[in-house]
Protein backbone atom coordinates (compact mmCIF):
# COMPACT_ATOMS: atom_id res chain seq x y z
CA MET A 1 -11.85 -7.82 11.39
CA LYS A 2 -15.33 -9.35 11.27
CA LYS A 3 -15.70 -12.24 8.84
CA LYS A 4 -18.28 -14.87 8.12
CA SER A 5 -17.64 -18.01 10.13
CA LEU A 6 -16.87 -21.19 8.23
CA THR A 7 -18.26 -24.60 9.10
CA PHE A 8 -16.03 -27.63 8.62
CA VAL A 9 -17.89 -30.94 8.77
CA LEU A 10 -15.79 -33.99 9.59
CA SER A 11 -17.66 -37.27 9.37
CA ALA A 12 -16.71 -40.92 9.20
CA PRO A 13 -17.84 -44.40 10.15
CA SER A 14 -17.66 -45.17 13.86
CA GLY A 15 -14.07 -45.90 14.86
CA ALA A 16 -12.39 -44.23 11.87
CA GLY A 17 -10.77 -41.58 14.08
CA LYS A 18 -12.80 -38.40 13.60
CA THR A 19 -12.92 -37.52 17.30
CA SER A 20 -9.19 -38.17 17.79
CA ILE A 21 -8.37 -35.91 14.84
CA SER A 22 -10.65 -33.17 16.12
CA ASN A 23 -8.97 -33.29 19.52
CA LYS A 24 -5.55 -32.95 17.87
CA ILE A 25 -6.23 -29.98 15.62
CA THR A 26 -8.63 -27.71 17.50
CA GLY A 27 -5.83 -26.55 19.77
CA LEU A 28 -3.44 -26.01 16.87
CA VAL A 29 -5.55 -24.01 14.42
CA ARG A 30 -6.19 -20.40 15.35
CA ASN A 31 -9.85 -19.37 15.72
CA LEU A 32 -11.15 -22.91 15.24
CA LYS A 33 -13.52 -24.35 17.81
CA HIS A 34 -14.93 -27.84 18.15
CA SER A 35 -18.73 -27.76 18.05
CA ILE A 36 -19.69 -29.74 21.15
CA SER A 37 -22.63 -32.04 20.45
CA HIS A 38 -25.37 -33.13 22.83
CA THR A 39 -25.84 -36.86 23.32
CA THR A 40 -27.87 -39.32 25.34
CA ARG A 41 -25.16 -41.98 25.42
CA PRO A 42 -23.20 -42.58 28.64
CA PRO A 43 -19.76 -40.96 28.90
CA ARG A 44 -16.79 -43.13 27.98
CA PRO A 45 -13.74 -43.28 30.25
CA ASN A 46 -11.89 -39.92 30.33
CA GLU A 47 -14.75 -38.04 28.60
CA ILE A 48 -15.74 -34.78 30.29
CA ASN A 49 -19.22 -33.28 30.22
CA GLY A 50 -19.18 -29.92 28.45
CA GLN A 51 -15.81 -30.62 26.86
CA ASP A 52 -16.28 -33.79 24.81
CA TYR A 53 -20.09 -33.80 24.73
CA PHE A 54 -23.02 -32.43 26.64
CA PHE A 55 -24.39 -35.61 28.21
CA ILE A 56 -28.13 -35.32 28.77
CA SER A 57 -31.14 -37.60 29.27
CA ARG A 58 -33.46 -38.67 26.46
CA GLU A 59 -36.17 -36.52 28.03
CA GLU A 60 -33.93 -33.45 27.91
CA PHE A 61 -32.92 -34.26 24.35
CA GLN A 62 -36.53 -34.63 23.24
CA GLY A 63 -37.33 -31.30 24.85
CA LYS A 64 -34.61 -29.64 22.79
CA ILE A 65 -35.96 -31.28 19.63
CA ASP A 66 -39.44 -29.95 20.42
CA LYS A 67 -38.06 -26.43 20.92
CA GLY A 68 -36.07 -26.54 17.67
CA ASP A 69 -32.74 -26.20 19.46
CA PHE A 70 -30.87 -28.53 17.10
CA LEU A 71 -29.49 -27.68 13.69
CA GLU A 72 -29.35 -31.44 13.10
CA TRP A 73 -29.83 -34.54 15.18
CA ALA A 74 -29.66 -38.28 14.59
CA ASP A 75 -30.26 -41.63 16.25
CA VAL A 76 -26.96 -43.53 16.10
CA PHE A 77 -26.95 -47.09 17.45
CA GLY A 78 -29.79 -46.27 19.83
CA ASN A 79 -28.24 -43.06 21.18
CA LEU A 80 -29.26 -39.54 20.16
CA TYR A 81 -26.73 -36.96 18.99
CA GLY A 82 -27.45 -33.34 18.10
CA THR A 83 -25.74 -30.12 17.02
CA SER A 84 -27.28 -27.04 18.59
CA VAL A 85 -28.22 -23.90 16.69
CA GLU A 86 -26.64 -21.98 19.55
CA ASN A 87 -23.20 -23.31 18.56
CA VAL A 88 -23.42 -21.67 15.14
CA GLN A 89 -24.73 -18.40 16.58
CA TRP A 90 -21.93 -18.36 19.13
CA ALA A 91 -19.28 -18.88 16.42
CA GLU A 92 -20.65 -15.97 14.39
CA LYS A 93 -20.58 -13.76 17.48
CA GLU A 94 -17.05 -14.79 18.47
CA ASN A 95 -15.76 -14.52 14.88
CA CYS A 96 -14.39 -18.06 14.80
CA ASP A 97 -14.83 -21.15 12.63
CA LEU A 98 -16.53 -24.34 13.78
CA LEU A 99 -15.53 -27.97 13.34
CA PHE A 100 -18.52 -30.31 13.39
CA VAL A 101 -17.62 -33.91 14.22
CA ILE A 102 -20.74 -35.81 13.23
CA ASP A 103 -21.82 -39.07 11.66
CA VAL A 104 -22.78 -39.55 8.01
CA GLN A 105 -26.48 -39.20 8.82
CA GLY A 106 -25.92 -35.82 10.46
CA ALA A 107 -23.85 -34.57 7.52
CA GLU A 108 -26.64 -35.57 5.13
CA THR A 109 -29.11 -33.57 7.20
CA LEU A 110 -26.92 -30.48 7.00
CA ARG A 111 -26.66 -30.81 3.23
CA LYS A 112 -30.44 -31.17 2.90
CA LEU A 113 -30.80 -27.99 4.94
CA LYS A 114 -28.31 -26.38 2.53
CA HIS A 115 -26.13 -25.40 5.47
CA PRO A 116 -22.95 -23.92 3.97
CA GLY A 117 -19.88 -25.89 4.91
CA ILE A 118 -16.75 -27.70 3.83
CA TYR A 119 -17.41 -31.44 4.07
CA ILE A 120 -14.54 -33.82 4.88
CA PHE A 121 -14.94 -37.61 4.88
CA LEU A 122 -12.57 -39.86 6.77
CA LEU A 123 -12.08 -43.47 5.70
CA PRO A 124 -10.27 -46.29 7.51
CA PRO A 125 -7.60 -48.06 5.44
CA SER A 126 -9.64 -51.29 5.60
CA LEU A 127 -12.60 -52.84 7.39
CA HIS A 128 -10.15 -55.19 9.11
CA GLU A 129 -8.30 -52.21 10.58
CA LEU A 130 -11.60 -50.57 11.53
CA LYS A 131 -12.59 -53.70 13.45
CA ASN A 132 -9.25 -53.66 15.26
CA ARG A 133 -9.77 -50.04 16.30
CA LEU A 134 -13.28 -50.74 17.55
CA ASN A 135 -12.01 -53.71 19.54
CA ASN A 136 -9.17 -51.65 21.01
CA ARG A 137 -11.61 -49.03 22.36
CA LYS A 138 -12.99 -51.72 24.70
CA VAL A 139 -16.34 -49.96 25.07
CA ASN A 140 -18.52 -52.09 22.79
CA THR A 141 -19.66 -55.70 22.93
CA PRO A 142 -18.82 -58.03 20.00
CA GLU A 143 -22.44 -57.71 18.84
CA GLU A 144 -22.25 -53.91 18.91
CA ILE A 145 -18.99 -53.97 16.96
CA GLU A 146 -20.57 -56.14 14.25
CA LYS A 147 -23.45 -53.65 13.99
CA ARG A 148 -20.99 -50.78 13.59
CA LEU A 149 -19.06 -52.66 10.92
CA ALA A 150 -22.28 -53.45 9.04
CA ARG A 151 -23.19 -49.77 9.09
CA ALA A 152 -19.67 -48.77 8.05
CA ARG A 153 -19.93 -51.00 4.96
CA LYS A 154 -22.86 -48.83 3.86
CA GLU A 155 -21.48 -45.46 4.96
CA ILE A 156 -18.19 -45.73 3.07
CA PHE A 157 -20.09 -45.38 -0.22
CA HIS A 158 -21.10 -41.83 0.76
CA TYR A 159 -17.58 -40.50 0.14
CA LYS A 160 -18.56 -39.04 -3.25
CA ALA A 161 -20.84 -36.51 -1.53
CA TYR A 162 -17.90 -34.85 0.25
CA ASP A 163 -15.52 -32.07 -0.76
CA TYR A 164 -12.49 -33.91 0.60
CA VAL A 165 -11.80 -37.60 1.27
CA LEU A 166 -8.94 -38.75 3.52
CA VAL A 167 -7.69 -42.19 4.55
CA ASN A 168 -6.68 -42.38 8.20
CA GLU A 169 -3.74 -44.79 8.10
CA ASP A 170 -1.67 -42.64 10.44
CA LEU A 171 -3.40 -40.35 12.95
CA GLU A 172 -0.74 -37.63 12.89
CA GLU A 173 -0.72 -37.48 9.09
CA ALA A 174 -4.51 -37.47 8.83
CA ALA A 175 -4.77 -34.70 11.42
CA ASP A 176 -2.20 -32.65 9.48
CA GLN A 177 -4.22 -33.15 6.28
CA VAL A 178 -7.39 -31.87 7.94
CA ARG A 179 -5.46 -28.90 9.31
CA SER A 180 -4.10 -28.14 5.83
CA ILE A 181 -7.61 -28.25 4.35
CA ILE A 182 -8.86 -25.75 6.91
CA ILE A 183 -6.00 -23.33 6.28
CA ALA A 184 -6.35 -23.62 2.49
CA GLU A 185 -10.11 -23.05 2.59
CA ARG A 186 -9.64 -19.91 4.67
CA CYS A 187 -7.26 -18.58 2.01
CA ARG A 188 -9.59 -19.00 -0.97
CA GLY A 189 -9.65 -15.90 -3.14
CA SER A 190 -13.44 -15.85 -3.05
CA ARG A 191 -13.27 -15.32 0.73
CA PHE A 192 -10.68 -12.55 0.70
CA ASP A 193 -11.84 -9.18 2.01
CA PRO A 194 -9.75 -6.27 0.58
CA SER A 195 -10.48 -4.23 3.71
CA GLN A 196 -8.13 -6.58 5.59
CA VAL A 197 -5.11 -4.80 4.14
CA ASP A 198 -3.98 -1.19 3.80
CA LEU A 199 -3.59 -1.41 0.03
CA ASP A 200 -5.40 0.11 -2.92
CA LEU A 201 -6.69 -3.05 -4.55
CA GLU A 202 -9.49 -1.36 -6.45
CA THR A 203 -7.47 0.82 -8.86
CA PRO A 204 -5.00 -1.07 -11.07
CA ASP A 205 -1.94 0.71 -12.46
């Protein structure tokens, strides 16, 4: 049965756990695909090109900007990240929903474009815990971590712009909450198509 694809936008300050949650739920929720972003940043340990991100040069990225290939893109700590229009078109063709894992800036761009979606904001339980998580990743210098914390202090105030707000104290619980949101949104009465069932729903008794 053909249906309109839904876009779920998961955003959070750097280190709050949005990528970890996405990795947990995309294999558990039927017909949900992770929208793979393009980025100019170097791969982290264990990241795979074409699975975690499409890792490309700044020249390639700029070429895609010039051609209008991105639905949204942003400069995040000196690295470029973008969501391709092709991802959305592919989801519509394959009749599946998309999970965008993007920063606050990217989510704002989507809202300005009036892109229909369900927006989910992920908060850390505290800035102290966020700093611990950034330190534990062991991919950023102390100076870079301080920059990310400074940005996080500003980004956390954007929570009011989102449809759902979660606190990631426990990764398993937060992932289950995101999964529950996706399932509930799919079941909204406004999205129900009577042609899905072999019942006469047009003529009441």
